[in-house]
């Protein structure tokens, strides 16, 4: 069974850091683009970052310079390092996988992702 499981969320003070992890099982990540999305209460789900099969990356404007996405295909893991966190980063964070027609594929739309995790809560508060 194909599955994505996020971990690493929690409560952090403004300016702090967290690293989220996404573990894949039932399939290998090599042929997939992996993204992090987030959804705050009352808001639409938005893209945070994407990493392609060949390691190319894309970030949302408010995440550039603060967040770093990485992948370890050998471990079937994807990570999101989040620094200088702000209260507006508070949300449930989801990882998602999209099958890639080519290794530098960077899908940006929600509908392009086939598999989703259950989410992990990140709360940034004093």
Foldseek 3Di string as FASTA:
>chain_A
DWAKAKDWADEAAAQAKTKMKIAIPPDFQLQKKKFKWWDDPPDDIATAKIAFNVGDMDGDPVQPPFWDWDDDRVRRMIMIIGGRDDQVVWTWMKMFIAGHPDRRDTDGDPVRTDHIHPTDTHGYHD
